[in-house]
Structures are given as C-alpha cells and as structure tokens.
C-alpha atoms as a PDB file:
ATOM      1  CA  MET A   1       0.000  -0.002   0.000  1.00  0.00           C
ATOM      2  CA  ALA A   2       1.063   3.575  -0.625  1.00  0.00           C
ATOM      3  CA  GLN A   3      -0.058   6.888   0.789  1.00  0.00           C
ATOM      4  CA  ALA A   4      -1.650   9.497  -1.481  1.00  0.00           C
ATOM      5  CA  ARG A   5      -0.210  13.013  -1.305  1.00  0.00           C
ATOM      6  CA  ILE A   6      -1.538  16.121  -3.017  1.00  0.00           C
ATOM      7  CA  ARG A   7       1.132  18.047  -4.916  1.00  0.00           C
ATOM      8  CA  LYS A   8       1.033  21.057  -7.145  1.00  0.00           C
ATOM      9  CA  VAL A   9       2.417  20.365 -10.606  1.00  0.00           C
ATOM     10  CA  ARG A  10       3.265  22.706 -13.449  1.00  0.00           C
ATOM     11  CA  VAL A  11       1.822  21.711 -16.808  1.00  0.00           C
ATOM     12  CA  ARG A  12       4.090  22.583 -19.709  1.00  0.00           C
ATOM     13  CA  ARG A  13       1.728  21.547 -22.500  1.00  0.00           C
ATOM     14  CA  ASP A  14      -1.822  20.240 -22.639  1.00  0.00           C
ATOM     15  CA  LEU A  15      -2.147  17.886 -25.593  1.00  0.00           C
ATOM     16  CA  GLY A  16      -5.807  16.998 -25.054  1.00  0.00           C
ATOM     17  CA  THR A  17      -5.537  13.364 -23.951  1.00  0.00           C
ATOM     18  CA  GLN A  18      -2.018  13.847 -22.523  1.00  0.00           C
ATOM     19  CA  VAL A  19      -0.184  16.573 -20.631  1.00  0.00           C
ATOM     20  CA  GLU A  20       3.493  17.332 -20.204  1.00  0.00           C
ATOM     21  CA  VAL A  21       4.379  18.161 -16.613  1.00  0.00           C
ATOM     22  CA  ASN A  22       7.677  19.975 -16.058  1.00  0.00           C
ATOM     23  CA  ALA A  23       7.597  20.472 -12.274  1.00  0.00           C
ATOM     24  CA  GLY A  24       6.116  18.793  -9.215  1.00  0.00           C
ATOM     25  CA  VAL A  25       6.888  15.128  -9.925  1.00  0.00           C
ATOM     26  CA  LYS A  26      10.121  13.216 -10.213  1.00  0.00           C
ATOM     27  CA  GLU A  27      11.190  10.009 -11.889  1.00  0.00           C
ATOM     28  CA  GLY A  28       9.680   7.005 -10.150  1.00  0.00           C
ATOM     29  CA  ASP A  29       6.688   8.884  -8.703  1.00  0.00           C
ATOM     30  CA  ARG A  30       3.315   7.206  -9.124  1.00  0.00           C
ATOM     31  CA  VAL A  31       0.547   9.535 -10.214  1.00  0.00           C
ATOM     32  CA  ILE A  32      -3.179   9.241  -9.575  1.00  0.00           C
ATOM     33  CA  LEU A  33      -4.755  10.856 -12.614  1.00  0.00           C
ATOM     34  CA  ASN A  34      -8.389  10.774 -11.511  1.00  0.00           C
ATOM     35  CA  PRO A  35      -8.515  10.349  -7.738  1.00  0.00           C
ATOM     36  CA  ALA A  36     -11.737   9.501  -5.960  1.00  0.00           C
ATOM     37  CA  VAL A  37     -13.431  12.545  -4.501  1.00  0.00           C
ATOM     38  CA  ASN A  38     -13.270  10.999  -1.034  1.00  0.00           C
ATOM     39  CA  LEU A  39      -9.550  10.026  -1.143  1.00  0.00           C
ATOM     40  CA  PRO A  40      -8.052  11.894   1.831  1.00  0.00           C
ATOM     41  CA  GLU A  41      -4.555  13.385   2.035  1.00  0.00           C
ATOM     42  CA  GLY A  42      -2.315  10.549   3.214  1.00  0.00           C
ATOM     43  CA  GLY A  43      -5.008   7.981   2.462  1.00  0.00           C
ATOM     44  CA  GLU A  44      -3.803   4.498   1.647  1.00  0.00           C
ATOM     45  CA  THR A  45      -4.115   3.347  -1.928  1.00  0.00           C
ATOM     46  CA  ALA A  46      -2.943   0.448  -4.058  1.00  0.00           C
ATOM     47  CA  PHE A  47      -1.554   0.719  -7.582  1.00  0.00           C
ATOM     48  CA  SER A  48      -2.123  -1.678 -10.418  1.00  0.00           C
ATOM     49  CA  SER A  49       1.095  -2.741 -12.094  1.00  0.00           C
ATOM     50  CA  SER A  50      -0.740  -3.404 -15.361  1.00  0.00           C
ATOM     51  CA  TYR A  51      -1.162   0.269 -16.316  1.00  0.00           C
ATOM     52  CA  ARG A  52       1.689   2.743 -16.026  1.00  0.00           C
ATOM     53  CA  HIS A  53       2.348   6.253 -17.227  1.00  0.00           C
ATOM     54  CA  ARG A  54       5.867   7.265 -18.066  1.00  0.00           C
ATOM     55  CA  ILE A  55       7.224   9.826 -15.605  1.00  0.00           C
END
C-alpha cells in the first residue's frame, strides 16, 4: 500500500488526452490521474502494475 499526497504540478503543454508536466513530480513517482473525490490526504491506496504512465 502507498499513501496518497496532493502536490502542485506545473503543466508545460496540454495535448488533449495527454499533458506534459515539467515540475512537481520526479522520476519514479506514481501519479493518480483521476482520484476518488473522497480520497483523503495521506489515504492509503494500491496501484495496479498493469497500467503505467511514463514519468
């Protein structure tokens, strides 16, 4: 299990279905793209290894 943390990111380009982020995440970070409304700061979450975004 991992803990969810809210971070500000800086979007370099919005490509419609993809965005380029140039600040706020680092290599190896896992990103929740569409978090549940009720996911609290520090809430525990599990990640599926079958779907990954390149960071």
